[in-house]
Protein backbone atom coordinates (compact mmCIF):
# COMPACT_ATOMS: atom_id res chain seq x y z
CA MET A 1 4.59 10.39 -26.56
CA LYS A 2 3.86 7.63 -28.70
CA ILE A 3 5.81 4.49 -27.81
CA ASN A 4 5.34 1.14 -30.04
CA GLY A 5 2.10 1.82 -30.38
CA ALA A 6 0.31 3.59 -27.18
CA GLU A 7 0.58 6.74 -25.80
CA LEU A 8 2.62 7.04 -22.83
CA VAL A 9 3.05 10.17 -20.23
CA VAL A 10 6.78 10.53 -19.91
CA GLU A 11 8.35 13.12 -17.44
CA ALA A 12 12.04 13.50 -17.08
CA PHE A 13 14.20 15.49 -14.57
CA GLY A 14 17.63 16.97 -14.29
CA PRO A 15 20.87 17.48 -16.46
CA GLU A 16 20.04 15.99 -19.69
CA ASP A 17 23.80 15.69 -19.48
CA GLY A 18 24.49 13.84 -16.32
CA PRO A 19 23.99 10.09 -16.24
CA ALA A 20 20.05 8.43 -16.79
CA MET A 21 17.88 6.77 -14.77
CA ILE A 22 14.52 5.13 -16.21
CA VAL A 23 12.17 3.86 -13.12
CA HIS A 24 9.11 1.83 -13.60
CA HIS A 25 7.04 2.04 -11.07
CA GLY A 26 4.69 -1.35 -9.34
CA ALA A 27 1.00 -2.46 -9.57
CA PRO A 28 0.30 -2.70 -13.34
CA GLY A 29 -3.61 -1.11 -13.31
CA LEU A 30 -3.21 0.73 -10.21
CA GLY A 31 0.58 2.34 -10.06
CA SER A 32 1.52 5.21 -12.13
CA ARG A 33 5.09 7.70 -12.33
CA ASN A 34 3.71 9.75 -8.88
CA GLU A 35 5.47 7.24 -7.16
CA PRO A 36 8.56 6.98 -8.66
CA LYS A 37 8.54 10.72 -9.32
CA ARG A 38 8.80 11.46 -5.46
CA SER A 39 11.03 8.62 -4.72
CA PHE A 40 13.56 9.20 -7.19
CA GLY A 41 12.89 13.19 -7.81
CA PRO A 42 15.64 14.05 -5.94
CA PHE A 43 18.16 12.40 -7.84
CA SER A 44 17.94 14.64 -10.66
CA ASP A 45 20.21 17.22 -8.89
CA ARG A 46 22.97 15.05 -10.59
CA MET A 47 21.00 12.14 -13.09
CA ARG A 48 18.91 12.84 -16.07
CA VAL A 49 15.60 10.81 -14.05
CA ILE A 50 12.74 9.55 -16.27
CA VAL A 51 9.37 7.90 -15.10
CA PHE A 52 6.27 7.31 -16.80
CA ASP A 53 2.88 5.56 -16.72
CA ALA A 54 3.57 1.86 -18.50
CA ARG A 55 0.75 1.36 -21.09
CA GLY A 56 -2.34 0.38 -19.29
CA SER A 57 -1.53 2.53 -15.86
CA GLY A 58 -1.74 6.04 -15.08
CA GLU A 59 -2.30 8.60 -17.45
CA SER A 60 -0.97 6.17 -20.79
CA SER A 61 -3.32 4.54 -22.91
CA ASP A 62 -5.18 1.02 -22.33
CA ASP A 63 -3.79 -0.64 -25.63
CA GLU A 64 -2.65 -4.36 -25.43
CA PRO A 65 -0.76 -6.11 -24.83
CA PHE A 66 0.40 -6.02 -21.33
CA THR A 67 3.26 -8.53 -21.17
CA HIS A 68 6.89 -7.89 -19.59
CA GLU A 69 8.12 -8.24 -23.09
CA GLN A 70 6.04 -5.25 -23.99
CA TRP A 71 7.00 -3.70 -20.72
CA VAL A 72 10.61 -4.14 -21.46
CA ALA A 73 10.24 -2.91 -25.17
CA ASP A 74 8.47 0.08 -24.12
CA VAL A 75 11.12 1.04 -21.41
CA ASP A 76 13.76 0.32 -24.24
CA ALA A 77 12.26 2.54 -26.65
CA ILE A 78 11.78 5.16 -24.41
CA ARG A 79 15.75 4.98 -23.62
CA GLU A 80 16.20 4.90 -27.28
CA HIS A 81 14.13 8.29 -27.58
CA PHE A 82 16.10 10.23 -25.16
CA GLY A 83 19.16 9.21 -26.67
CA TYR A 84 21.00 7.31 -24.33
CA GLU A 85 22.99 4.55 -24.73
CA LYS A 86 23.31 3.15 -20.89
CA ILE A 87 20.48 3.67 -18.36
CA VAL A 88 20.34 2.90 -14.44
CA MET A 89 17.37 1.04 -14.50
CA ALA A 90 15.33 1.09 -11.36
CA GLY A 91 11.43 -0.84 -10.08
CA GLY A 92 9.81 -1.10 -7.26
CA SER A 93 7.65 -4.12 -6.71
CA TYR A 94 6.02 -5.21 -9.89
CA GLY A 95 7.91 -2.47 -11.29
CA GLY A 96 11.02 -4.52 -9.89
CA PHE A 97 9.98 -7.81 -12.61
CA ILE A 98 10.61 -5.13 -14.99
CA ALA A 99 13.79 -3.62 -14.24
CA LEU A 100 14.85 -7.89 -13.72
CA GLU A 101 13.50 -8.61 -17.07
CA TYR A 102 14.98 -5.33 -18.98
CA ALA A 103 18.71 -6.18 -17.47
CA ILE A 104 18.32 -9.36 -18.61
CA ALA A 105 17.25 -8.54 -21.62
CA HIS A 106 19.52 -5.82 -22.35
CA PRO A 107 22.89 -6.05 -20.48
CA ASP A 108 24.66 -3.91 -22.80
CA ARG A 109 22.17 -1.08 -21.89
CA VAL A 110 22.34 -1.23 -17.71
CA SER A 111 25.12 0.32 -16.10
CA ALA A 112 23.12 -0.44 -12.84
CA LEU A 113 20.12 -2.19 -11.13
CA VAL A 114 18.21 -0.36 -8.36
CA LEU A 115 15.48 -2.99 -7.01
CA ARG A 116 12.87 -1.99 -4.42
CA ASP A 117 10.71 -4.66 -2.69
CA THR A 118 10.33 -6.92 -5.57
CA ALA A 119 10.59 -10.95 -6.41
CA ALA A 120 12.23 -13.39 -8.79
CA ASP A 121 9.40 -15.58 -8.66
CA THR A 122 6.10 -16.35 -6.99
CA SER A 123 7.21 -18.53 -4.60
CA HIS A 124 6.57 -16.33 -1.23
CA ASP A 125 2.78 -15.32 -2.54
CA TYR A 126 1.50 -17.81 -0.05
CA LEU A 127 2.85 -15.52 2.87
CA ALA A 128 1.11 -12.53 1.54
CA VAL A 129 -1.96 -14.48 1.55
CA GLU A 130 -1.08 -15.42 5.36
CA ARG A 131 -0.18 -12.01 6.54
CA ALA A 132 -3.60 -10.74 5.15
CA ARG A 133 -5.82 -13.21 6.48
CA ASN A 134 -4.24 -12.99 9.77
CA THR A 135 -3.79 -9.18 10.00
CA ASP A 136 -4.93 -7.26 13.39
CA ARG A 137 -5.20 -3.96 11.43
CA SER A 138 -8.46 -4.41 10.06
CA VAL A 139 -10.68 -7.29 8.87
CA ILE A 140 -9.94 -8.07 5.24
CA PRO A 141 -12.82 -9.74 3.14
CA GLU A 142 -12.25 -13.04 2.44
CA TRP A 143 -13.01 -12.28 -1.77
CA VAL A 144 -10.09 -9.58 -0.88
CA ILE A 145 -8.06 -12.46 0.41
CA GLU A 146 -9.08 -14.82 -2.87
CA ARG A 147 -7.87 -12.46 -5.11
CA ILE A 148 -4.15 -11.49 -4.00
CA GLY A 149 -2.10 -11.82 -7.27
CA THR A 150 -4.86 -13.54 -9.01
CA GLY A 151 -5.51 -11.05 -11.38
CA ARG A 152 -9.65 -12.13 -11.25
CA PHE A 153 -11.44 -8.86 -11.10
CA GLU A 154 -14.54 -7.70 -13.02
CA SER A 155 -14.54 -3.85 -13.19
CA ASN A 156 -12.69 -1.31 -12.00
CA GLU A 157 -15.41 -0.73 -9.34
CA GLN A 158 -14.41 -4.12 -7.80
CA LEU A 159 -10.44 -3.69 -8.17
CA ARG A 160 -11.20 -0.11 -6.18
CA GLU A 161 -12.62 -2.08 -3.19
CA TYR A 162 -9.91 -4.55 -3.16
CA TRP A 163 -7.50 -1.72 -3.09
CA ARG A 164 -9.05 -0.29 -0.45
CA ALA A 165 -9.27 -3.21 1.56
CA ILE A 166 -5.38 -3.84 1.50
CA LEU A 167 -4.00 -0.38 1.80
CA PRO A 168 -3.38 -0.85 5.77
CA LEU A 169 -1.00 -4.05 4.72
CA TYR A 170 1.52 -1.39 3.31
CA ASP A 171 2.98 1.05 5.61
CA HIS A 172 5.24 -0.53 8.60
CA GLN A 173 3.30 2.05 10.29
CA HIS A 174 -0.17 2.51 9.30
CA ASP A 175 -1.92 5.89 8.83
CA PRO A 176 -5.51 5.69 7.82
CA ALA A 177 -5.34 9.07 6.18
CA LYS A 178 -2.60 8.32 4.02
CA ASP A 179 -4.86 5.07 2.70
CA GLU A 180 -7.39 7.54 1.51
CA ALA A 181 -5.02 9.68 -0.38
CA LYS A 182 -3.91 6.96 -2.28
CA LEU A 183 -7.07 5.65 -3.12
CA ALA A 184 -8.31 9.35 -4.07
CA ALA A 185 -4.89 9.18 -6.25
CA THR A 186 -5.14 5.73 -7.78
CA ARG A 187 -6.76 5.60 -11.48
CA PHE A 188 -8.03 1.54 -11.95
CA HIS A 189 -6.93 -0.21 -14.97
CA TYR A 190 -8.82 -3.88 -14.13
CA ARG A 191 -8.01 -5.55 -18.06
CA THR A 192 -4.29 -4.70 -17.15
CA HIS A 193 -4.47 -5.92 -13.70
CA ASN A 194 -6.19 -8.81 -14.58
CA ALA A 195 -3.51 -9.81 -17.06
CA ALA A 196 -0.11 -8.90 -15.40
CA PHE A 197 -1.41 -11.20 -12.38
CA GLY A 198 -3.74 -13.43 -14.11
CA GLN A 199 -1.75 -14.24 -17.35
CA ASN A 200 2.07 -13.13 -16.72
CA MET A 201 2.57 -14.07 -13.37
CA PRO A 202 1.57 -17.76 -13.47
CA ARG A 203 4.69 -18.28 -15.50
CA TYR A 204 7.16 -15.71 -13.90
CA ASP A 205 10.31 -17.18 -12.61
CA LEU A 206 13.38 -15.53 -13.08
CA LYS A 207 15.88 -17.13 -11.17
CA PRO A 208 17.85 -19.15 -13.67
CA LYS A 209 18.27 -15.67 -15.49
CA LEU A 210 19.74 -13.90 -12.46
CA PRO A 211 23.20 -15.11 -12.93
CA SER A 212 23.39 -13.50 -16.15
CA ILE A 213 22.99 -9.82 -14.87
CA THR A 214 26.24 -8.89 -14.57
CA CYS A 215 26.14 -4.89 -13.63
CA PRO A 216 26.34 -3.85 -9.87
CA THR A 217 22.90 -4.49 -8.71
CA LEU A 218 21.02 -2.90 -4.88
CA VAL A 219 18.40 -4.67 -3.31
CA THR A 220 16.58 -3.05 -1.20
CA VAL A 221 13.31 -4.09 0.75
CA GLY A 222 11.53 -3.38 4.01
CA ARG A 223 12.02 -5.91 6.69
CA HIS A 224 8.08 -5.57 7.23
CA ASP A 225 7.12 -6.17 3.45
CA TRP A 226 3.76 -7.82 3.93
CA ARG A 227 3.67 -8.38 -0.08
CA THR A 228 7.50 -9.21 -0.75
CA PRO A 229 9.17 -10.34 2.07
CA VAL A 230 12.95 -9.88 2.88
CA ALA A 231 13.40 -13.46 1.75
CA ALA A 232 12.11 -12.75 -1.60
CA SER A 233 15.20 -10.30 -1.68
CA GLN A 234 17.88 -11.82 -0.48
CA VAL A 235 17.00 -14.79 -3.10
CA ILE A 236 17.97 -11.94 -5.60
CA ALA A 237 20.98 -10.50 -3.97
CA ASP A 238 22.11 -14.31 -3.72
CA LEU A 239 21.95 -15.01 -7.14
CA ILE A 240 23.27 -12.24 -8.90
CA PRO A 241 27.04 -11.94 -8.87
CA HIS A 242 27.27 -8.27 -7.96
CA GLY A 243 24.03 -8.08 -5.89
CA GLU A 244 23.94 -6.52 -2.80
CA LEU A 245 20.82 -6.44 0.00
CA VAL A 246 20.06 -3.73 2.40
CA VAL A 247 16.99 -4.31 4.55
CA PHE A 248 15.33 -1.09 6.25
CA GLU A 249 14.18 -1.91 9.77
CA LYS A 250 11.13 0.73 9.94
CA SER A 251 9.82 -0.04 6.78
CA GLY A 252 6.92 -2.14 5.13
CA HIS A 253 6.49 -2.55 1.26
CA SER A 254 7.59 1.36 0.79
CA PRO A 255 11.41 1.87 2.52
CA GLN A 256 11.28 5.06 -0.51
CA LEU A 257 8.76 6.42 1.43
CA GLU A 258 8.96 5.48 4.81
CA GLU A 259 12.47 6.17 5.15
CA PRO A 260 12.92 8.64 2.21
CA GLU A 261 16.48 10.01 3.99
CA LEU A 262 17.82 6.90 4.79
CA PHE A 263 16.72 5.30 1.31
CA GLN A 264 18.38 8.19 -0.83
CA GLN A 265 21.53 8.02 0.85
CA VAL A 266 21.80 4.03 0.24
CA VAL A 267 21.04 4.76 -3.47
CA ARG A 268 23.20 7.58 -3.84
CA ASP A 269 25.98 5.58 -2.16
CA PHE A 270 25.53 2.31 -4.45
CA LEU A 271 25.79 4.27 -7.54
CA GLY A 272 28.66 5.91 -6.33
CA ARG A 273 30.27 2.47 -5.33
CA ALA A 274 28.88 1.66 -9.25
CA GLY A 275 31.18 4.42 -10.86
CA VAL A 276 27.88 6.46 -11.94
CA LEU A 277 27.94 9.21 -9.74
CA ARG A 278 31.25 10.16 -9.16
């Protein structure tokens, strides 16, 4: 689809007359629609689930700018294209940043908000550096540790080696074979990653705006998340008036993949209470 001057790869599943959910993937320049497709695809039994590769990620085009404002505008253009007045907005990790930004910018267009392993600011980032340096899963090179959350990459090849080095940190139960599969499936866009973490994140702080989010909000997080700890999710749940926090005890950064059945049930129960699913 041509969206705001960029070519975006978009997929939609489920009944067109069902409530709509747009899911934003994380990891700009590394992520893609594959994870939200796998995680939220099961909801297409009753909902219209829309996933896409954001500009500068996956199979979509590398048309700048790679800003939160642009990514939010792209979400709204996708909503408008499909003709939905309101959506459930969902996002994990960096996709959670965009989901929050969307709910703040377009409160009248969000019926419910589903967040996963995300944050409202960068105040907990130092913990990720500490965990990377002290992990017993592998020896992570110092050059990799120094680049966590910085956006200082010189090529796709360097970003690939960085990604290979930190993948062991993500899951609660480490599986090297899964890491290799993730690495092989990743398309790298280092300029997008640099813009996200080198330009956007230094000024990212949504805490003052979170009380303006009035829709029901589910905040989920893995107990053992190395990148965005439980404390970061607790801040969000505390500041959003109708926010609720669910911690997945056997997960790292991806409870939607590590405890999929429980995650799906938690989200379905929440959407039922929010009046989205009846």
